[in-house]
Amino acid sequence: MKLLTFFHTLRYLRSRQIFYRLYYKLRKYYRTLIGFSYNYSIPAHAQEVTLLPFPSTRVSFYPPGTFIFLNKTKTFLDKIDWNFMEYGMLWCYNLNYFDYLLQRGLEIDTGLFLIEQFIDTIDQNKIGLEPYPTSLRIIDWIKFLSRIKGNNKSESGSIISKVDSSLYAQTEILLDNLEYHLLANHLLENGFALFFSAFYFREKKFYQKAREILLAELEEQILQDGGHFELSPMYHAIILGRLLDCINLVQNNHFFDDNILPYFIDKARKMSGWLTVMCHPDGEISFFNDAALGIALSPGQLIDYAERLGINCNLTRGIDCVFFNESGYARLKKGPAVVILDAAKVGPDYQPGHAHADTLSFEFSFANQRVIVNSGTSSYLNGPARWWQRSTAAHSTVEIDGQNSSEVWASFRVARRARPFDRNWEKNDDNIIFFACHDGYKRLKGQCVHCRKWELSNNALVVQDVIKGSFKQAIARYYLHPDIKVKQTGDNKILLILPQGQQLFVFIQKGQLRLVDTEYYPQFGKAIPDKCLEVLFSADTIVVNFKWM
């Protein structure tokens, strides 16, 4: 079974990924033999770059040495350990990103002191010199340095010169280690970093490689409907923010005679429209695939940033039904009720690392309050928490015979994947109906197909699940937001009470209801107790009704 899982994982990889995985391993071995090492300081003279004020990042650094990432705090009493791994790789990555340089109120001298600490131990920093954190750090350093102009730059001359030499060297190291073995958002971030360095140093070779990567990857990764192809609202927001930074850079610094700006703006406009559709009425993202609050800039910050850059965002928030055919998500709206549903693939076949087994899951808000949710994401560490949060059982969808609809495994792997089909919708004055099926369970002995229909009217949401094929046990789960109070009023009846007093009546047809304790993961490193409605199939069909006055 293990070999079969590996086979169904590896068979989707592109030849380019396989080639570069082997190439980088062999090159590392060869370089070790000959004693190769990078030059961590290359004399370089940077130019000033001008940037329209960009959004501040969340506060994650408290002088003199306290950092808070992923809701975990570490205070370095002496020097910062840039390879600190006690809280896992992602925490260490955040330490090396340096996005705290962009938090509101950080003094320039403090920022330069942190940068200098990093430079002084760079040859010992294994984690920080990986291509992904290097890419984000290059951008964050340049955005921070754009604040230092004129006399201030002259007063900090020796430090700035040291920083510039390190930045140029880090960009050269990145250029030598582009993440062709991973592709997707990693390679895109490499391209964004080279783009920033190209402007900062007026370096044509950085620009040519950046342009090559960005045009190719944006064309593939940003779908025609505006969605990022990894199908995570969180990563979509991250990439949109980076794209807006590049627009900011080009608009305010005319160093390269090119027509890339209109292309960037077109992509950003489409991405902005997609993001607003994938938000709840509370203004924050929905939880499909890897998604959590507090990582990317908020949708409100991004839309405001885009509009300050003169981008007329294609906002579709007021439309009552939107279906993104390429990315596979839909948003249904009637009065105070909003449903966001997933009839999507797990992501790009060759890189589904941020995918969950969440096909045909959905989230539901009523009167600006989230009611039905997916569980969210709190960790990337390979272990039980990560495995659970990627599982079908952690989402508001149907699990058959205790199996995942897509074979997610480890932290970022997927073997066989669910494929949605028969996606269609209709609407009239009274109802909006969306229907879809997926084949993720056809690999099981009973060759099951799961079909789901959502019907939204002015006073009800009706969700019907049908399983075609044979099975021993099937469970439909409906995760409740922690703010929702639950009162069981009968064998198959539940009353949901919202914080502002609104009531939703839930009753089940053709299924057996039970209420279980579980957890909600709205942020990394955070778990909140909540409830889940589980409906056990007693036949091939169940119907769950949510009604309001």
Protein backbone atom coordinates (compact mmCIF):
# COMPACT_ATOMS: atom_id res chain seq x y z
CA MET A 1 0.00 0.00 0.00
CA LYS A 2 2.87 2.36 0.79
CA LEU A 3 4.41 1.78 -2.64
CA LEU A 4 1.04 2.36 -4.29
CA THR A 5 0.63 5.64 -2.41
CA PHE A 6 4.09 6.78 -3.51
CA PHE A 7 3.32 5.80 -7.10
CA HIS A 8 0.07 7.78 -7.17
CA THR A 9 1.91 10.76 -5.65
CA LEU A 10 4.97 10.75 -7.90
CA ARG A 11 3.21 10.02 -11.18
CA TYR A 12 1.82 13.56 -11.31
CA LEU A 13 5.21 15.28 -11.04
CA ARG A 14 6.53 17.14 -14.04
CA SER A 15 9.79 16.03 -15.62
CA ARG A 16 11.23 19.45 -14.77
CA GLN A 17 10.60 18.85 -11.07
CA ILE A 18 12.23 15.43 -11.17
CA PHE A 19 15.24 16.74 -13.11
CA TYR A 20 15.89 19.60 -10.69
CA ARG A 21 15.43 17.41 -7.61
CA LEU A 22 18.18 15.12 -8.92
CA TYR A 23 20.30 17.99 -10.21
CA TYR A 24 20.30 19.89 -6.91
CA LYS A 25 21.12 16.73 -4.93
CA LEU A 26 24.01 15.79 -7.19
CA ARG A 27 25.28 19.37 -7.29
CA LYS A 28 25.22 19.57 -3.49
CA TYR A 29 27.22 16.35 -3.27
CA TYR A 30 29.77 17.60 -5.80
CA ARG A 31 30.12 21.00 -4.15
CA THR A 32 30.70 19.35 -0.78
CA LEU A 33 33.54 17.32 -2.28
CA ILE A 34 35.29 20.37 -3.75
CA GLY A 35 34.64 22.61 -0.72
CA PHE A 36 32.43 25.12 -2.54
CA SER A 37 30.97 28.02 -0.52
CA TYR A 38 28.99 31.11 -1.44
CA ASN A 39 30.26 34.65 -1.16
CA TYR A 40 27.90 36.22 1.38
CA SER A 41 28.98 39.80 0.69
CA ILE A 42 29.33 41.16 -2.82
CA PRO A 43 30.13 44.88 -3.16
CA ALA A 44 27.14 46.53 -4.77
CA HIS A 45 25.75 50.02 -5.00
CA ALA A 46 21.97 50.20 -4.81
CA GLN A 47 19.72 53.02 -5.99
CA GLU A 48 16.81 54.48 -4.09
CA VAL A 49 13.43 53.01 -4.90
CA THR A 50 10.20 54.90 -4.33
CA LEU A 51 7.11 53.07 -3.13
CA LEU A 52 3.61 54.27 -2.40
CA PRO A 53 2.93 53.46 1.28
CA PHE A 54 2.19 49.76 1.50
CA PRO A 55 0.03 48.07 4.16
CA SER A 56 1.68 47.46 7.52
CA THR A 57 2.12 43.88 8.59
CA ARG A 58 0.83 42.49 11.89
CA VAL A 59 2.95 43.24 14.96
CA SER A 60 5.17 40.21 15.58
CA PHE A 61 8.33 41.76 17.06
CA TYR A 62 8.62 43.43 20.46
CA PRO A 63 12.04 44.99 21.17
CA PRO A 64 14.55 44.05 22.24
CA GLY A 65 14.21 40.37 21.34
CA THR A 66 10.67 38.94 21.50
CA PHE A 67 9.00 37.42 18.43
CA ILE A 68 5.46 36.07 18.10
CA PHE A 69 4.64 33.91 15.09
CA LEU A 70 1.86 31.35 14.71
CA ASN A 71 0.65 32.29 18.23
CA LYS A 72 3.93 31.07 19.74
CA THR A 73 6.31 33.42 21.55
CA LYS A 74 10.07 33.27 21.84
CA THR A 75 12.39 35.79 23.53
CA PHE A 76 16.06 35.77 22.57
CA LEU A 77 17.97 37.18 25.52
CA ASP A 78 21.25 37.63 23.69
CA LYS A 79 21.68 37.04 19.99
CA ILE A 80 18.89 35.81 17.75
CA ASP A 81 19.13 32.14 16.78
CA TRP A 82 18.10 32.28 13.14
CA ASN A 83 17.97 28.46 13.04
CA PHE A 84 15.61 28.18 16.03
CA MET A 85 13.54 25.05 15.34
CA GLU A 86 11.81 24.31 18.66
CA TYR A 87 8.50 25.57 17.23
CA GLY A 88 8.96 23.95 13.82
CA MET A 89 10.09 24.94 10.34
CA LEU A 90 7.30 27.43 9.62
CA TRP A 91 8.03 29.44 12.78
CA CYS A 92 11.72 29.56 11.84
CA TYR A 93 10.79 30.59 8.31
CA ASN A 94 8.76 33.49 9.71
CA LEU A 95 11.73 34.59 11.78
CA ASN A 96 13.81 34.71 8.59
CA TYR A 97 11.16 36.42 6.42
CA PHE A 98 11.68 39.77 8.24
CA ASP A 99 8.14 40.97 7.57
CA TYR A 100 8.22 42.48 11.07
CA LEU A 101 10.36 45.23 9.52
CA LEU A 102 7.11 46.45 7.97
CA GLN A 103 5.03 46.53 11.14
CA ARG A 104 3.66 49.88 12.19
CA GLY A 105 5.94 51.96 14.42
CA LEU A 106 9.18 50.02 13.98
CA GLU A 107 12.13 52.42 14.22
CA ILE A 108 14.61 52.48 11.33
CA ASP A 109 17.58 52.02 13.70
CA THR A 110 15.91 48.97 15.25
CA GLY A 111 15.28 47.46 11.82
CA LEU A 112 18.87 48.00 10.73
CA PHE A 113 20.11 46.45 13.98
CA LEU A 114 18.05 43.30 13.28
CA ILE A 115 19.32 43.12 9.70
CA GLU A 116 22.91 43.50 10.84
CA GLN A 117 22.50 40.67 13.35
CA PHE A 118 21.32 38.46 10.50
CA ILE A 119 24.21 39.46 8.21
CA ASP A 120 26.84 38.83 10.90
CA THR A 121 25.83 35.16 11.21
CA ILE A 122 24.61 34.49 7.67
CA ASP A 123 27.21 31.82 6.95
CA GLN A 124 25.76 29.73 9.81
CA ASN A 125 22.12 30.18 8.74
CA LYS A 126 20.96 27.03 7.00
CA ILE A 127 17.21 27.70 7.23
CA GLY A 128 17.30 31.38 6.35
CA LEU A 129 19.27 30.78 3.15
CA GLU A 130 16.70 28.39 1.71
CA PRO A 131 15.21 29.91 -1.45
CA TYR A 132 11.70 30.55 -0.11
CA PRO A 133 12.60 32.56 3.03
CA THR A 134 15.37 34.26 1.06
CA SER A 135 12.81 35.42 -1.50
CA LEU A 136 10.47 36.91 1.09
CA ARG A 137 13.35 38.48 3.02
CA ILE A 138 14.74 40.21 -0.10
CA ILE A 139 11.38 41.86 -0.72
CA ASP A 140 10.88 42.85 2.92
CA TRP A 141 14.39 44.31 3.23
CA ILE A 142 13.94 46.40 0.07
CA LYS A 143 10.51 47.64 1.16
CA PHE A 144 11.99 48.58 4.53
CA LEU A 145 15.04 50.26 2.93
CA SER A 146 12.74 52.31 0.70
CA ARG A 147 11.83 54.26 3.86
CA ILE A 148 15.44 55.39 4.28
CA LYS A 149 16.12 58.31 1.97
CA GLY A 150 18.30 61.37 1.59
CA ASN A 151 20.07 62.47 4.77
CA ASN A 152 18.90 59.44 6.72
CA LYS A 153 20.60 57.17 4.21
CA SER A 154 23.84 59.18 4.40
CA GLU A 155 23.84 59.01 8.21
CA SER A 156 23.53 55.22 8.06
CA GLY A 157 26.02 54.95 5.21
CA SER A 158 28.30 52.17 6.43
CA ILE A 159 25.42 49.96 7.57
CA ILE A 160 23.46 50.55 4.36
CA SER A 161 26.52 49.63 2.32
CA LYS A 162 26.84 46.42 4.33
CA VAL A 163 23.17 45.64 3.80
CA ASP A 164 23.37 46.32 0.07
CA SER A 165 26.36 43.99 -0.30
CA SER A 166 24.51 41.24 1.56
CA LEU A 167 21.30 41.78 -0.41
CA TYR A 168 23.09 41.46 -3.71
CA ALA A 169 24.84 38.29 -2.55
CA GLN A 170 21.57 36.79 -1.33
CA THR A 171 19.97 37.54 -4.69
CA GLU A 172 22.85 35.76 -6.45
CA ILE A 173 22.41 32.77 -4.14
CA LEU A 174 18.68 32.74 -4.90
CA LEU A 175 19.38 32.94 -8.64
CA ASP A 176 21.52 29.80 -8.22
CA ASN A 177 18.78 27.90 -6.35
CA LEU A 178 15.48 28.73 -8.03
CA GLU A 179 12.78 26.31 -6.91
CA TYR A 180 12.14 24.54 -10.19
CA HIS A 181 11.87 21.31 -8.20
CA LEU A 182 8.75 22.66 -6.44
CA LEU A 183 7.30 25.20 -8.91
CA ALA A 184 3.90 26.76 -7.97
CA ASN A 185 3.90 29.59 -5.40
CA HIS A 186 7.53 28.95 -4.43
CA LEU A 187 8.89 29.68 -7.91
CA LEU A 188 6.55 32.65 -8.20
CA GLU A 189 7.95 34.11 -4.96
CA ASN A 190 11.48 33.59 -6.35
CA GLY A 191 10.46 35.64 -9.37
CA PHE A 192 8.97 38.44 -7.26
CA ALA A 193 12.20 38.67 -5.23
CA LEU A 194 14.37 38.89 -8.34
CA PHE A 195 12.04 41.57 -9.65
CA PHE A 196 12.53 43.68 -6.52
CA SER A 197 16.31 43.22 -6.58
CA ALA A 198 16.38 44.15 -10.26
CA PHE A 199 14.85 47.54 -9.47
CA TYR A 200 16.88 48.07 -6.31
CA PHE A 201 20.22 47.40 -8.03
CA ARG A 202 19.25 48.38 -11.61
CA GLU A 203 20.48 44.91 -12.50
CA LYS A 204 19.41 43.69 -15.93
CA LYS A 205 20.23 40.00 -15.37
CA PHE A 206 17.94 39.91 -12.32
CA TYR A 207 15.22 41.62 -14.32
CA GLN A 208 15.43 39.28 -17.30
CA LYS A 209 15.13 36.16 -15.13
CA ALA A 210 12.36 37.74 -13.03
CA ARG A 211 10.40 38.69 -16.12
CA GLU A 212 10.80 35.20 -17.59
CA ILE A 213 9.52 33.56 -14.40
CA LEU A 214 6.71 36.01 -13.66
CA LEU A 215 5.17 36.05 -17.13
CA ALA A 216 5.25 32.26 -17.42
CA GLU A 217 4.08 31.49 -13.88
CA LEU A 218 1.38 34.16 -13.61
CA GLU A 219 -0.03 32.99 -16.93
CA GLU A 220 -0.29 29.44 -15.62
CA GLN A 221 -1.04 30.05 -11.97
CA ILE A 222 -3.71 32.78 -12.25
CA LEU A 223 -6.74 31.13 -13.80
CA GLN A 224 -9.08 32.89 -16.20
CA ASP A 225 -11.62 33.42 -13.41
CA GLY A 226 -8.94 35.11 -11.28
CA GLY A 227 -8.25 32.32 -8.81
CA HIS A 228 -4.75 31.17 -7.93
CA PHE A 229 -4.40 27.58 -9.09
CA GLU A 230 -3.45 26.16 -5.68
CA LEU A 231 -7.06 27.01 -4.68
CA SER A 232 -6.28 28.29 -1.20
CA PRO A 233 -7.87 31.67 -0.38
CA MET A 234 -4.96 32.34 1.99
CA TYR A 235 -2.24 31.76 -0.61
CA HIS A 236 -4.32 33.63 -3.17
CA ALA A 237 -4.25 36.66 -0.86
CA ILE A 238 -0.49 36.30 -0.32
CA ILE A 239 0.20 36.22 -4.07
CA LEU A 240 -2.16 39.13 -4.72
CA GLY A 241 -0.32 41.21 -2.13
CA ARG A 242 3.01 40.43 -3.79
CA LEU A 243 1.63 41.31 -7.22
CA LEU A 244 0.37 44.65 -5.90
CA ASP A 245 3.85 45.35 -4.51
CA CYS A 246 5.31 44.79 -7.98
CA ILE A 247 2.74 47.15 -9.50
CA ASN A 248 3.70 49.70 -6.86
CA LEU A 249 7.37 49.24 -7.78
CA VAL A 250 6.85 49.65 -11.53
CA GLN A 251 4.47 52.61 -11.24
CA ASN A 252 6.91 54.61 -9.12
CA ASN A 253 10.30 53.58 -10.56
CA HIS A 254 10.78 53.79 -14.33
CA PHE A 255 14.04 51.90 -14.69
CA PHE A 256 13.14 49.29 -17.32
CA ASP A 257 11.40 50.14 -20.58
CA ASP A 258 8.80 47.41 -20.67
CA ASN A 259 5.07 46.83 -21.04
CA ILE A 260 4.75 44.50 -18.08
CA LEU A 261 2.63 46.90 -15.99
CA PRO A 262 -0.70 46.45 -17.88
CA TYR A 263 -0.26 42.68 -17.61
CA PHE A 264 0.26 42.89 -13.84
CA ILE A 265 -2.76 45.17 -13.43
CA ASP A 266 -5.02 42.85 -15.43
CA LYS A 267 -4.04 39.89 -13.25
CA ALA A 268 -4.46 41.89 -10.03
CA ARG A 269 -7.93 43.06 -11.07
CA LYS A 270 -9.08 39.51 -11.71
CA MET A 271 -7.51 38.24 -8.47
CA SER A 272 -9.22 40.99 -6.46
CA GLY A 273 -12.61 40.00 -7.82
CA TRP A 274 -12.05 36.33 -6.98
CA LEU A 275 -10.93 37.15 -3.45
CA THR A 276 -14.02 39.20 -2.61
CA VAL A 277 -16.27 36.36 -3.75
CA MET A 278 -14.40 33.90 -1.52
CA CYS A 279 -14.90 36.04 1.60
CA HIS A 280 -17.65 35.78 4.17
CA PRO A 281 -19.78 38.83 5.01
CA ASP A 282 -17.43 39.40 7.98
CA GLY A 283 -14.79 40.41 5.38
CA GLU A 284 -12.39 37.52 5.95
CA ILE A 285 -11.45 34.53 3.82
CA SER A 286 -13.22 31.18 3.74
CA PHE A 287 -11.35 28.04 4.83
CA PHE A 288 -10.72 25.78 1.86
CA ASN A 289 -7.45 23.85 1.54
CA ASP A 290 -4.67 25.44 3.64
CA ALA A 291 -6.27 28.59 4.99
CA ALA A 292 -6.08 30.52 8.24
CA LEU A 293 -6.46 34.09 9.43
CA GLY A 294 -3.50 36.31 10.30
CA ILE A 295 -1.05 35.07 7.67
CA ALA A 296 -1.84 37.12 4.57
CA LEU A 297 -2.93 40.75 4.58
CA SER A 298 -6.68 40.93 5.11
CA PRO A 299 -8.91 41.20 2.02
CA GLY A 300 -9.87 44.72 3.12
CA GLN A 301 -6.22 45.78 3.25
CA LEU A 302 -5.56 44.28 -0.18
CA ILE A 303 -8.54 45.93 -1.86
CA ASP A 304 -7.66 49.27 -0.29
CA TYR A 305 -4.05 48.87 -1.45
CA ALA A 306 -5.18 48.03 -5.00
CA GLU A 307 -7.47 51.04 -5.16
CA ARG A 308 -4.69 53.34 -3.91
CA LEU A 309 -2.60 52.03 -6.80
CA GLY A 310 -5.38 53.12 -9.16
CA ILE A 311 -6.64 49.60 -9.89
CA ASN A 312 -10.37 49.40 -10.50
CA CYS A 313 -11.07 46.09 -8.80
CA ASN A 314 -13.65 43.79 -10.36
CA LEU A 315 -15.77 43.42 -7.22
CA THR A 316 -18.69 40.99 -7.50
CA ARG A 317 -19.74 40.84 -3.85
CA GLY A 318 -23.32 41.96 -4.50
CA ILE A 319 -24.15 39.32 -7.12
CA ASP A 320 -26.42 36.59 -5.75
CA CYS A 321 -24.72 33.67 -7.51
CA VAL A 322 -21.13 33.39 -8.75
CA PHE A 323 -19.60 30.19 -10.09
CA PHE A 324 -15.91 30.13 -10.94
CA ASN A 325 -15.77 27.43 -13.59
CA GLU A 326 -11.96 27.19 -13.77
CA SER A 327 -11.23 27.21 -10.04
CA GLY A 328 -14.43 25.36 -9.13
CA TYR A 329 -15.81 27.45 -6.26
CA ALA A 330 -19.24 29.04 -6.03
CA ARG A 331 -20.93 31.65 -3.84
CA LEU A 332 -24.70 31.71 -3.36
CA LYS A 333 -26.48 34.61 -1.68
CA LYS A 334 -30.11 35.16 -0.67
CA GLY A 335 -30.98 37.92 1.78
CA PRO A 336 -28.88 37.46 4.95
CA ALA A 337 -27.62 33.99 3.90
CA VAL A 338 -24.34 33.31 2.07
CA VAL A 339 -23.03 29.89 1.04
CA ILE A 340 -19.47 29.38 -0.28
CA LEU A 341 -18.93 25.91 -1.68
CA ASP A 342 -16.10 23.78 -3.04
CA ALA A 343 -16.67 21.89 -6.29
CA ALA A 344 -12.99 22.20 -7.16
CA LYS A 345 -10.06 19.93 -7.87
CA VAL A 346 -7.52 19.64 -5.06
CA GLY A 347 -5.16 21.97 -6.96
CA PRO A 348 -2.52 21.64 -9.68
CA ASP A 349 -1.76 17.97 -10.25
CA TYR A 350 2.01 18.40 -9.99
CA GLN A 351 1.93 20.47 -6.77
CA PRO A 352 -1.09 19.88 -4.48
CA GLY A 353 0.96 20.50 -1.32
CA HIS A 354 -1.61 22.83 0.25
CA ALA A 355 -4.63 20.69 -0.63
CA HIS A 356 -7.12 19.20 1.81
CA ALA A 357 -9.52 16.33 1.19
CA ASP A 358 -12.40 18.81 1.27
CA THR A 359 -14.23 18.23 -2.03
CA LEU A 360 -17.91 19.30 -1.89
CA SER A 361 -17.45 20.96 1.49
CA PHE A 362 -19.05 24.33 2.15
CA GLU A 363 -19.27 27.24 4.56
CA PHE A 364 -22.41 29.15 5.48
CA SER A 365 -22.91 32.60 6.99
CA PHE A 366 -26.14 34.14 8.23
CA ALA A 367 -26.54 37.83 9.13
CA ASN A 368 -22.75 38.39 8.94
CA GLN A 369 -22.09 35.50 11.33
CA ARG A 370 -20.31 32.32 10.27
CA VAL A 371 -22.48 29.31 11.05
CA ILE A 372 -21.12 26.27 9.14
CA VAL A 373 -17.35 26.21 8.71
CA ASN A 374 -14.46 23.97 7.74
CA SER A 375 -12.07 23.27 10.58
CA GLY A 376 -9.19 25.46 9.35
CA THR A 377 -5.42 25.07 9.58
CA SER A 378 -3.22 25.41 12.65
CA SER A 379 -0.01 23.56 11.75
CA TYR A 380 2.24 22.39 8.93
CA LEU A 381 4.20 20.03 11.20
CA ASN A 382 4.03 16.45 9.99
CA GLY A 383 1.97 14.69 12.65
CA PRO A 384 -1.56 13.88 13.87
CA ALA A 385 -2.80 17.50 13.94
CA ARG A 386 -1.74 18.13 10.35
CA TRP A 387 -3.10 14.81 9.13
CA TRP A 388 -6.44 15.46 10.81
CA GLN A 389 -6.84 18.99 9.53
CA ARG A 390 -6.26 17.86 5.93
CA SER A 391 -8.69 14.95 6.25
CA THR A 392 -12.22 14.74 4.89
CA ALA A 393 -13.48 14.22 8.45
CA ALA A 394 -12.29 17.74 9.39
CA HIS A 395 -14.53 19.38 6.78
CA SER A 396 -18.22 20.02 6.23
CA THR A 397 -18.68 17.29 3.67
CA VAL A 398 -19.27 13.52 3.44
CA GLU A 399 -16.83 10.81 4.55
CA ILE A 400 -17.35 7.24 3.33
CA ASP A 401 -16.05 4.16 5.16
CA GLY A 402 -13.59 6.23 7.19
CA GLN A 403 -11.57 7.19 4.09
CA ASN A 404 -10.46 10.54 2.71
CA SER A 405 -11.98 11.66 -0.57
CA SER A 406 -8.44 12.47 -1.76
CA GLU A 407 -5.47 10.54 -0.41
CA VAL A 408 -3.74 13.30 1.54
CA TRP A 409 -0.71 12.11 3.50
CA ALA A 410 2.32 13.52 5.34
CA SER A 411 2.37 17.33 5.48
CA PHE A 412 2.12 18.21 1.80
CA ARG A 413 1.47 15.05 -0.20
CA VAL A 414 -1.55 13.78 -2.14
CA ALA A 415 -1.83 10.45 -3.96
CA ARG A 416 -5.16 9.67 -5.69
CA ARG A 417 -7.40 12.73 -5.97
CA ALA A 418 -11.12 13.41 -6.11
CA ARG A 419 -12.32 14.83 -9.43
CA PRO A 420 -15.53 16.88 -9.44
CA PHE A 421 -17.97 16.51 -12.32
CA ASP A 422 -21.58 17.32 -13.34
CA ARG A 423 -21.26 20.79 -11.84
CA ASN A 424 -24.28 22.91 -12.70
CA TRP A 425 -26.51 25.55 -11.21
CA GLU A 426 -29.79 27.29 -11.80
CA LYS A 427 -31.67 30.15 -10.24
CA ASN A 428 -35.07 31.75 -10.31
CA ASP A 429 -36.86 34.35 -8.21
CA ASP A 430 -37.25 31.94 -5.29
CA ASN A 431 -34.24 29.61 -5.27
CA ILE A 432 -30.60 29.20 -6.19
CA ILE A 433 -29.60 25.57 -6.74
CA PHE A 434 -26.06 24.23 -7.18
CA PHE A 435 -25.28 20.58 -7.89
CA ALA A 436 -22.00 18.64 -8.18
CA CYS A 437 -20.53 15.13 -7.83
CA HIS A 438 -17.04 13.75 -7.27
CA ASP A 439 -15.35 10.40 -7.89
CA GLY A 440 -12.88 10.36 -4.98
CA TYR A 441 -14.42 7.22 -3.48
CA LYS A 442 -14.55 5.19 -6.69
CA ARG A 443 -11.20 3.66 -5.68
CA LEU A 444 -13.01 1.91 -2.76
CA LYS A 445 -14.54 -1.55 -3.10
CA GLY A 446 -18.06 -0.13 -3.40
CA GLN A 447 -16.98 2.35 -6.13
CA CYS A 448 -18.98 5.15 -4.55
CA VAL A 449 -19.76 8.51 -6.11
CA HIS A 450 -20.82 11.36 -3.84
CA CYS A 451 -23.29 13.94 -5.19
CA ARG A 452 -24.44 17.02 -3.28
CA LYS A 453 -27.14 19.61 -3.96
CA TRP A 454 -27.42 22.97 -2.23
CA GLU A 455 -30.75 24.80 -2.50
CA LEU A 456 -30.86 28.32 -1.06
CA SER A 457 -34.11 30.27 -0.73
CA ASN A 458 -35.22 33.35 1.19
CA ASN A 459 -35.86 31.37 4.38
CA ALA A 460 -33.97 28.07 4.06
CA LEU A 461 -30.83 26.25 3.03
CA VAL A 462 -31.41 22.61 2.07
CA VAL A 463 -28.42 20.31 1.54
CA GLN A 464 -29.04 16.93 -0.06
CA ASP A 465 -26.36 14.22 -0.24
CA VAL A 466 -26.64 11.13 -2.42
CA ILE A 467 -24.16 8.24 -2.51
CA LYS A 468 -24.18 6.03 -5.58
CA GLY A 469 -22.53 2.69 -4.85
CA SER A 470 -22.23 0.41 -1.83
CA PHE A 471 -20.71 1.38 1.52
CA LYS A 472 -20.60 0.25 5.13
CA GLN A 473 -20.79 3.67 6.79
CA ALA A 474 -21.12 7.24 5.59
CA ILE A 475 -21.17 10.43 7.65
CA ALA A 476 -22.00 13.99 6.63
CA ARG A 477 -20.42 16.54 8.96
CA TYR A 478 -21.46 20.12 9.59
CA TYR A 479 -18.90 22.02 11.66
CA LEU A 480 -20.38 24.88 13.66
CA HIS A 481 -18.56 28.12 14.33
CA PRO A 482 -17.59 28.36 18.04
CA ASP A 483 -19.84 31.41 18.53
CA ILE A 484 -22.94 29.35 17.72
CA LYS A 485 -24.93 27.95 20.64
CA VAL A 486 -26.65 24.61 20.13
CA LYS A 487 -29.82 23.25 21.64
CA GLN A 488 -31.11 19.80 20.71
CA THR A 489 -34.91 19.85 20.45
CA GLY A 490 -35.61 16.32 19.22
CA ASP A 491 -34.04 13.16 17.80
CA ASN A 492 -33.26 14.79 14.48
CA LYS A 493 -33.79 18.44 15.35
CA ILE A 494 -31.37 21.15 16.47
CA LEU A 495 -31.78 24.82 17.30
CA LEU A 496 -28.82 27.08 16.49
CA ILE A 497 -28.65 30.39 18.34
CA LEU A 498 -26.44 33.12 16.89
CA PRO A 499 -24.63 35.73 19.04
CA GLN A 500 -27.10 38.47 18.05
CA GLY A 501 -30.09 36.29 18.94
CA GLN A 502 -31.10 35.01 15.49
CA GLN A 503 -32.25 31.40 15.42
CA LEU A 504 -31.82 28.69 12.80
CA PHE A 505 -33.87 25.52 12.96
CA VAL A 506 -32.10 22.39 11.70
CA PHE A 507 -33.83 19.10 11.01
CA ILE A 508 -32.66 15.97 9.25
CA GLN A 509 -34.50 13.69 6.86
CA LYS A 510 -33.34 10.12 6.15
CA GLY A 511 -30.38 10.26 8.51
CA GLN A 512 -29.42 9.93 12.16
CA LEU A 513 -28.16 13.05 13.96
CA ARG A 514 -25.56 13.22 16.70
CA LEU A 515 -23.73 16.18 18.22
CA VAL A 516 -19.99 15.78 18.92
CA ASP A 517 -17.28 17.89 20.52
CA THR A 518 -14.43 18.97 18.28
CA GLU A 519 -12.05 21.89 17.61
CA TYR A 520 -11.84 24.87 15.25
CA TYR A 521 -8.50 26.13 13.95
CA PRO A 522 -8.89 29.73 12.71
CA GLN A 523 -5.19 30.58 13.06
CA PHE A 524 -1.88 28.77 13.16
CA GLY A 525 -1.13 27.59 16.67
CA LYS A 526 -4.72 28.12 17.83
CA ALA A 527 -7.47 25.61 18.66
CA ILE A 528 -10.95 26.58 19.90
CA PRO A 529 -13.49 24.04 21.23
CA ASP A 530 -16.62 23.81 19.11
CA LYS A 531 -19.38 21.43 18.02
CA CYS A 532 -20.00 19.35 14.95
CA LEU A 533 -23.32 18.00 13.68
CA GLU A 534 -22.75 14.48 12.36
CA VAL A 535 -25.44 12.88 10.23
CA LEU A 536 -25.14 9.13 9.68
CA PHE A 537 -26.58 7.74 6.46
CA SER A 538 -29.27 5.12 6.98
CA ALA A 539 -29.79 4.81 3.21
CA ASP A 540 -28.16 6.30 0.14
CA THR A 541 -29.65 9.78 0.66
CA ILE A 542 -29.85 12.32 3.48
CA VAL A 543 -31.35 15.82 3.54
CA VAL A 544 -30.38 18.52 6.06
CA ASN A 545 -32.61 21.59 6.34
CA PHE A 546 -31.58 24.94 7.84
CA LYS A 547 -34.59 27.24 8.26
CA TRP A 548 -35.06 30.77 9.57
CA MET A 549 -37.93 33.19 9.95
